[in-house]
PDB file of N, CA and C in Angstrom:
ATOM      1  N   MET A   1      65.709  89.085  92.312  1.00  0.00           N
ATOM      2  CA  MET A   1      65.701  90.181  91.473  1.00  0.00           C
ATOM      3  C   MET A   1      64.764  90.032  90.493  1.00  0.00           C
ATOM      4  N   PRO A   2      63.825  91.024  90.248  1.00  0.00           N
ATOM      5  CA  PRO A   2      62.818  90.878  89.205  1.00  0.00           C
ATOM      6  C   PRO A   2      63.367  90.864  87.757  1.00  0.00           C
ATOM      7  N   LEU A   3      62.713  90.052  87.078  1.00  0.00           N
ATOM      8  CA  LEU A   3      63.126  90.045  85.520  1.00  0.00           C
ATOM      9  C   LEU A   3      62.612  91.135  84.674  1.00  0.00           C
ATOM     10  N   SER A   4      63.393  91.664  83.740  1.00  0.00           N
ATOM     11  CA  SER A   4      62.892  92.672  82.939  1.00  0.00           C
ATOM     12  C   SER A   4      61.741  92.055  81.986  1.00  0.00           C
ATOM     13  N   SER A   5      61.072  93.066  81.475  1.00  0.00           N
ATOM     14  CA  SER A   5      59.804  92.657  80.573  1.00  0.00           C
ATOM     15  C   SER A   5      60.344  91.988  79.334  1.00  0.00           C
ATOM     16  N   LYS A   6      61.581  92.212  78.812  1.00  0.00           N
ATOM     17  CA  LYS A   6      62.231  91.737  77.673  1.00  0.00           C
ATOM     18  C   LYS A   6      62.488  90.290  77.937  1.00  0.00           C
ATOM     19  N   VAL A   7      63.021  89.879  79.099  1.00  0.00           N
ATOM     20  CA  VAL A   7      63.330  88.499  79.463  1.00  0.00           C
ATOM     21  C   VAL A   7      62.068  87.719  79.686  1.00  0.00           C
ATOM     22  N   ARG A   8      61.089  88.232  80.328  1.00  0.00           N
ATOM     23  CA  ARG A   8      59.810  87.643  80.437  1.00  0.00           C
ATOM     24  C   ARG A   8      59.291  87.311  79.111  1.00  0.00           C
ATOM     25  N   ASP A   9      59.220  88.237  78.149  1.00  0.00           N
ATOM     26  CA  ASP A   9      58.635  87.917  76.922  1.00  0.00           C
ATOM     27  C   ASP A   9      59.297  86.899  76.160  1.00  0.00           C
ATOM     28  N   ARG A  10      60.608  86.811  76.333  1.00  0.00           N
ATOM     29  CA  ARG A  10      61.456  85.860  75.579  1.00  0.00           C
ATOM     30  C   ARG A  10      61.110  84.521  76.149  1.00  0.00           C
ATOM     31  N   CYS A  11      60.913  84.359  77.460  1.00  0.00           N
ATOM     32  CA  CYS A  11      60.509  83.112  78.239  1.00  0.00           C
ATOM     33  C   CYS A  11      59.191  82.607  77.904  1.00  0.00           C
ATOM     34  N   ARG A  12      58.360  83.587  77.754  1.00  0.00           N
ATOM     35  CA  ARG A  12      56.868  83.250  77.437  1.00  0.00           C
ATOM     36  C   ARG A  12      56.796  82.431  76.100  1.00  0.00           C
ATOM     37  N   THR A  13      57.733  82.585  75.170  1.00  0.00           N
ATOM     38  CA  THR A  13      57.545  81.825  73.880  1.00  0.00           C
ATOM     39  C   THR A  13      57.768  80.444  74.184  1.00  0.00           C
ATOM     40  N   TYR A  14      58.423  79.974  75.277  1.00  0.00           N
ATOM     41  CA  TYR A  14      58.641  78.645  75.432  1.00  0.00           C
ATOM     42  C   TYR A  14      57.618  77.839  76.325  1.00  0.00           C
ATOM     43  N   LEU A  15      56.709  78.666  76.747  1.00  0.00           N
ATOM     44  CA  LEU A  15      55.831  77.995  77.675  1.00  0.00           C
ATOM     45  C   LEU A  15      54.466  77.536  76.673  1.00  0.00           C
ATOM     46  N   GLY A  16      53.971  76.601  77.370  1.00  0.00           N
ATOM     47  CA  GLY A  16      52.685  75.941  76.626  1.00  0.00           C
ATOM     48  C   GLY A  16      51.512  76.923  76.752  1.00  0.00           C
ATOM     49  N   THR A  17      50.447  76.670  75.987  1.00  0.00           N
ATOM     50  CA  THR A  17      49.317  77.525  75.929  1.00  0.00           C
ATOM     51  C   THR A  17      48.505  77.522  77.163  1.00  0.00           C
ATOM     52  N   ASP A  18      48.667  76.509  78.154  1.00  0.00           N
ATOM     53  CA  ASP A  18      48.021  76.452  79.335  1.00  0.00           C
ATOM     54  C   ASP A  18      48.831  77.244  80.439  1.00  0.00           C
ATOM     55  N   GLU A  19      49.993  77.670  80.083  1.00  0.00           N
ATOM     56  CA  GLU A  19      50.910  78.359  81.036  1.00  0.00           C
ATOM     57  C   GLU A  19      50.940  79.888  80.700  1.00  0.00           C
ATOM     58  N   HIS A  20      50.710  80.696  81.526  1.00  0.00           N
ATOM     59  CA  HIS A  20      50.754  82.132  80.998  1.00  0.00           C
ATOM     60  C   HIS A  20      51.952  83.044  81.439  1.00  0.00           C
ATOM     61  N   ARG A  21      52.623  82.633  82.531  1.00  0.00           N
ATOM     62  CA  ARG A  21      53.770  83.503  82.792  1.00  0.00           C
ATOM     63  C   ARG A  21      54.918  82.639  83.528  1.00  0.00           C
ATOM     64  N   PRO A  22      56.133  83.026  83.248  1.00  0.00           N
ATOM     65  CA  PRO A  22      57.316  82.255  83.827  1.00  0.00           C
ATOM     66  C   PRO A  22      57.186  82.371  85.417  1.00  0.00           C
ATOM     67  N   LYS A  23      57.350  81.335  86.085  1.00  0.00           N
ATOM     68  CA  LYS A  23      57.420  81.359  87.602  1.00  0.00           C
ATOM     69  C   LYS A  23      58.787  81.770  88.113  1.00  0.00           C
ATOM     70  N   GLN A  24      59.922  81.181  87.487  1.00  0.00           N
ATOM     71  CA  GLN A  24      61.169  81.572  87.862  1.00  0.00           C
ATOM     72  C   GLN A  24      62.225  81.186  86.763  1.00  0.00           C
ATOM     73  N   ILE A  25      63.387  81.812  86.795  1.00  0.00           N
ATOM     74  CA  ILE A  25      64.469  81.518  85.803  1.00  0.00           C
ATOM     75  C   ILE A  25      65.671  81.027  86.642  1.00  0.00           C
ATOM     76  N   TRP A  26      66.128  79.890  86.385  1.00  0.00           N
ATOM     77  CA  TRP A  26      67.231  79.418  86.961  1.00  0.00           C
ATOM     78  C   TRP A  26      68.544  79.988  86.748  1.00  0.00           C
ATOM     79  N   LYS A  27      68.751  80.287  85.548  1.00  0.00           N
ATOM     80  CA  LYS A  27      70.116  80.817  85.068  1.00  0.00           C
ATOM     81  C   LYS A  27      70.126  81.209  83.653  1.00  0.00           C
ATOM     82  N   ARG A  28      70.754  82.344  83.462  1.00  0.00           N
ATOM     83  CA  ARG A  28      70.872  82.675  82.018  1.00  0.00           C
ATOM     84  C   ARG A  28      72.314  82.269  81.490  1.00  0.00           C
ATOM     85  N   LEU A  29      72.309  81.581  80.394  1.00  0.00           N
ATOM     86  CA  LEU A  29      73.537  81.000  79.993  1.00  0.00           C
ATOM     87  C   LEU A  29      73.997  81.813  78.753  1.00  0.00           C
ATOM     88  N   PRO A  30      75.307  81.913  78.486  1.00  0.00           N
ATOM     89  CA  PRO A  30      75.708  82.667  77.382  1.00  0.00           C
ATOM     90  C   PRO A  30      75.366  81.879  76.061  1.00  0.00           C
ATOM     91  N   ARG A  31      75.366  82.596  74.932  1.00  0.00           N
ATOM     92  CA  ARG A  31      74.936  81.970  73.727  1.00  0.00           C
ATOM     93  C   ARG A  31      75.827  80.907  73.228  1.00  0.00           C
ATOM     94  N   ASP A  32      77.116  81.010  73.617  1.00  0.00           N
ATOM     95  CA  ASP A  32      78.051  80.020  73.141  1.00  0.00           C
ATOM     96  C   ASP A  32      78.168  78.893  74.106  1.00  0.00           C
ATOM     97  N   THR A  33      77.206  78.633  74.966  1.00  0.00           N
ATOM     98  CA  THR A  33      77.220  77.462  75.743  1.00  0.00           C
ATOM     99  C   THR A  33      76.974  76.203  75.039  1.00  0.00           C
ATOM    100  N   GLU A  34      77.833  75.162  75.066  1.00  0.00           N
ATOM    101  CA  GLU A  34      77.600  73.979  74.516  1.00  0.00           C
ATOM    102  C   GLU A  34      76.629  73.100  75.223  1.00  0.00           C
ATOM    103  N   LEU A  35      75.591  72.557  74.652  1.00  0.00           N
ATOM    104  CA  LEU A  35      74.591  71.787  75.191  1.00  0.00           C
ATOM    105  C   LEU A  35      75.020  70.245  75.078  1.00  0.00           C
ATOM    106  N   GLY A  36      74.526  69.471  75.816  1.00  0.00           N
ATOM    107  CA  GLY A  36      74.651  67.970  75.815  1.00  0.00           C
ATOM    108  C   GLY A  36      73.357  67.316  76.066  1.00  0.00           C
ATOM    109  N   PRO A  37      73.356  66.008  76.100  1.00  0.00           N
ATOM    110  CA  PRO A  37      72.128  65.164  76.458  1.00  0.00           C
ATOM    111  C   PRO A  37      71.607  65.475  77.835  1.00  0.00           C
ATOM    112  N   VAL A  38      72.702  65.858  78.811  1.00  0.00           N
ATOM    113  CA  VAL A  38      72.312  66.209  80.184  1.00  0.00           C
ATOM    114  C   VAL A  38      73.067  67.627  80.405  1.00  0.00           C
ATOM    115  N   LEU A  39      72.116  68.359  80.917  1.00  0.00           N
ATOM    116  CA  LEU A  39      72.665  69.846  81.026  1.00  0.00           C
ATOM    117  C   LEU A  39      72.416  70.113  82.620  1.00  0.00           C
ATOM    118  N   THR A  40      73.420  70.692  83.214  1.00  0.00           N
ATOM    119  CA  THR A  40      73.367  71.013  84.486  1.00  0.00           C
ATOM    120  C   THR A  40      73.192  72.486  84.792  1.00  0.00           C
ATOM    121  N   VAL A  41      72.141  72.972  85.288  1.00  0.00           N
ATOM    122  CA  VAL A  41      71.720  74.369  85.426  1.00  0.00           C
ATOM    123  C   VAL A  41      71.628  74.679  86.928  1.00  0.00           C
ATOM    124  N   SER A  42      72.325  75.425  87.668  1.00  0.00           N
ATOM    125  CA  SER A  42      72.170  75.796  88.993  1.00  0.00           C
ATOM    126  C   SER A  42      72.062  74.613  89.888  1.00  0.00           C
ATOM    127  N   GLY A  43      72.862  73.525  89.651  1.00  0.00           N
ATOM    128  CA  GLY A  43      72.844  72.316  90.363  1.00  0.00           C
ATOM    129  C   GLY A  43      71.737  71.407  90.060  1.00  0.00           C
ATOM    130  N   LEU A  44      70.802  71.733  89.057  1.00  0.00           N
ATOM    131  CA  LEU A  44      69.839  70.888  88.637  1.00  0.00           C
ATOM    132  C   LEU A  44      70.142  70.102  87.306  1.00  0.00           C
ATOM    133  N   LYS A  45      70.028  68.787  87.330  1.00  0.00           N
ATOM    134  CA  LYS A  45      70.392  68.052  86.084  1.00  0.00           C
ATOM    135  C   LYS A  45      69.110  67.963  85.210  1.00  0.00           C
ATOM    136  N   LEU A  46      69.230  68.489  83.924  1.00  0.00           N
ATOM    137  CA  LEU A  46      68.128  68.404  83.021  1.00  0.00           C
ATOM    138  C   LEU A  46      68.604  67.569  81.876  1.00  0.00           C
ATOM    139  N   GLU A  47      67.726  66.548  81.593  1.00  0.00           N
ATOM    140  CA  GLU A  47      68.090  65.511  80.412  1.00  0.00           C
ATOM    141  C   GLU A  47      67.199  65.887  79.292  1.00  0.00           C
ATOM    142  N   ILE A  48      67.874  66.036  78.177  1.00  0.00           N
ATOM    143  CA  ILE A  48      67.111  66.291  77.047  1.00  0.00           C
ATOM    144  C   ILE A  48      66.693  65.105  76.325  1.00  0.00           C
ATOM    145  N   ASP A  49      65.334  65.035  75.914  1.00  0.00           N
ATOM    146  CA  ASP A  49      64.810  63.837  75.334  1.00  0.00           C
ATOM    147  C   ASP A  49      65.541  63.432  74.038  1.00  0.00           C
ATOM    148  N   GLU A  50      65.669  62.097  73.879  1.00  0.00           N
ATOM    149  CA  GLU A  50      66.367  61.619  72.720  1.00  0.00           C
ATOM    150  C   GLU A  50      66.022  62.136  71.575  1.00  0.00           C
ATOM    151  N   GLU A  51      64.771  62.308  71.292  1.00  0.00           N
ATOM    152  CA  GLU A  51      64.288  62.826  69.899  1.00  0.00           C
ATOM    153  C   GLU A  51      64.756  64.200  69.706  1.00  0.00           C
ATOM    154  N   TYR A  52      65.379  65.013  70.623  1.00  0.00           N
ATOM    155  CA  TYR A  52      65.880  66.316  70.363  1.00  0.00           C
ATOM    156  C   TYR A  52      67.428  66.451  70.324  1.00  0.00           C
ATOM    157  N   VAL A  53      68.017  65.253  70.575  1.00  0.00           N
ATOM    158  CA  VAL A  53      69.534  65.274  70.680  1.00  0.00           C
ATOM    159  C   VAL A  53      70.131  65.738  69.400  1.00  0.00           C
ATOM    160  N   ALA A  54      69.685  65.295  68.211  1.00  0.00           N
ATOM    161  CA  ALA A  54      70.204  65.816  66.896  1.00  0.00           C
ATOM    162  C   ALA A  54      70.008  67.348  66.689  1.00  0.00           C
ATOM    163  N   ALA A  55      69.014  67.778  67.135  1.00  0.00           N
ATOM    164  CA  ALA A  55      68.776  69.422  67.118  1.00  0.00           C
ATOM    165  C   ALA A  55      69.884  70.042  68.106  1.00  0.00           C
ATOM    166  N   VAL A  56      70.126  69.306  69.113  1.00  0.00           N
ATOM    167  CA  VAL A  56      71.067  70.117  70.129  1.00  0.00           C
ATOM    168  C   VAL A  56      72.415  69.945  69.490  1.00  0.00           C
ATOM    169  N   ARG A  57      72.833  68.778  68.976  1.00  0.00           N
ATOM    170  CA  ARG A  57      74.201  68.601  68.188  1.00  0.00           C
ATOM    171  C   ARG A  57      74.244  69.667  67.007  1.00  0.00           C
ATOM    172  N   ALA A  58      73.166  69.848  66.312  1.00  0.00           N
ATOM    173  CA  ALA A  58      73.392  70.850  65.180  1.00  0.00           C
ATOM    174  C   ALA A  58      73.497  72.254  65.755  1.00  0.00           C
ATOM    175  N   ALA A  59      72.727  72.524  66.844  1.00  0.00           N
ATOM    176  CA  ALA A  59      73.080  73.898  67.480  1.00  0.00           C
ATOM    177  C   ALA A  59      74.412  74.021  67.864  1.00  0.00           C
ATOM    178  N   ASN A  60      75.011  73.024  68.574  1.00  0.00           N
ATOM    179  CA  ASN A  60      76.441  72.940  69.029  1.00  0.00           C
ATOM    180  C   ASN A  60      77.446  73.262  67.906  1.00  0.00           C
ATOM    181  N   LEU A  61      77.253  72.607  66.661  1.00  0.00           N
ATOM    182  CA  LEU A  61      77.861  72.823  65.580  1.00  0.00           C
ATOM    183  C   LEU A  61      77.841  74.262  65.034  1.00  0.00           C
ATOM    184  N   GLU A  62      76.713  74.834  65.122  1.00  0.00           N
ATOM    185  CA  GLU A  62      76.444  76.176  64.645  1.00  0.00           C
ATOM    186  C   GLU A  62      77.143  77.189  65.409  1.00  0.00           C
ATOM    187  N   ILE A  63      77.215  77.122  66.667  1.00  0.00           N
ATOM    188  CA  ILE A  63      78.014  77.951  67.645  1.00  0.00           C
ATOM    189  C   ILE A  63      79.598  77.780  67.490  1.00  0.00           C
ATOM    190  N   GLY A  64      79.992  76.557  67.020  1.00  0.00           N
ATOM    191  CA  GLY A  64      81.246  76.229  67.111  1.00  0.00           C
ATOM    192  C   GLY A  64      82.052  76.891  65.906  1.00  0.00           C
ATOM    193  N   GLY A  65      81.341  77.166  64.643  1.00  0.00           N
ATOM    194  CA  GLY A  65      81.873  77.910  63.560  1.00  0.00           C
ATOM    195  C   GLY A  65      82.898  77.085  62.823  1.00  0.00           C
ATOM    196  N   ASP A  66      83.910  76.650  63.367  1.00  0.00           N
ATOM    197  CA  ASP A  66      85.046  75.822  62.578  1.00  0.00           C
ATOM    198  C   ASP A  66      84.685  74.299  62.739  1.00  0.00           C
ATOM    199  N   ALA A  67      83.602  73.801  63.141  1.00  0.00           N
ATOM    200  CA  ALA A  67      83.218  72.499  63.422  1.00  0.00           C
ATOM    201  C   ALA A  67      82.743  71.828  61.931  1.00  0.00           C
ATOM    202  N   LEU A  68      82.301  72.821  61.156  1.00  0.00           N
ATOM    203  CA  LEU A  68      81.669  72.305  59.851  1.00  0.00           C
ATOM    204  C   LEU A  68      82.804  72.114  58.845  1.00  0.00           C
ATOM    205  N   PRO A  69      82.651  71.401  57.910  1.00  0.00           N
ATOM    206  CA  PRO A  69      83.626  71.091  56.800  1.00  0.00           C
ATOM    207  C   PRO A  69      83.617  72.292  55.889  1.00  0.00           C
ATOM    208  N   GLY A  70      84.750  72.631  55.224  1.00  0.00           N
ATOM    209  CA  GLY A  70      84.609  73.574  54.094  1.00  0.00           C
ATOM    210  C   GLY A  70      83.952  73.086  52.996  1.00  0.00           C
ATOM    211  N   ASP A  71      83.424  74.222  52.152  1.00  0.00           N
ATOM    212  CA  ASP A  71      82.561  73.806  50.946  1.00  0.00           C
ATOM    213  C   ASP A  71      83.456  73.193  50.039  1.00  0.00           C
ATOM    214  N   PRO A  72      83.113  71.951  49.430  1.00  0.00           N
ATOM    215  CA  PRO A  72      83.963  71.433  48.431  1.00  0.00           C
ATOM    216  C   PRO A  72      84.048  72.040  47.152  1.00  0.00           C
ATOM    217  N   TYR A  73      82.974  72.892  46.798  1.00  0.00           N
ATOM    218  CA  TYR A  73      82.781  73.363  45.538  1.00  0.00           C
ATOM    219  C   TYR A  73      82.439  75.043  45.852  1.00  0.00           C
ATOM    220  N   PRO A  74      83.430  75.775  46.181  1.00  0.00           N
ATOM    221  CA  PRO A  74      83.344  77.090  46.565  1.00  0.00           C
ATOM    222  C   PRO A  74      83.085  78.039  45.260  1.00  0.00           C
ATOM    223  N   GLY A  75      82.223  78.898  45.328  1.00  0.00           N
ATOM    224  CA  GLY A  75      82.054  79.875  44.301  1.00  0.00           C
ATOM    225  C   GLY A  75      81.131  79.167  43.198  1.00  0.00           C
ATOM    226  N   GLY A  76      80.529  78.112  43.496  1.00  0.00           N
ATOM    227  CA  GLY A  76      79.759  77.495  42.405  1.00  0.00           C
ATOM    228  C   GLY A  76      78.301  77.679  42.605  1.00  0.00           C
TER     229      GLY A  76
END
């Protein structure tokens, strides 16, 4: 199934300067998908480099909402 121009444009932002158009999209995941150091997409195991694991964990906390502690000084 062909991709819409909106999806192609969003994918294009993740490509390097020497790559000009996405060749394929494996799967579109919901925004609330929790990521881990290893992510399986359409049967393909993708491993996130160790330097990005902290960013992935922060993103997971952001989507969780209740995972962050409450503000100890509310209203201040």
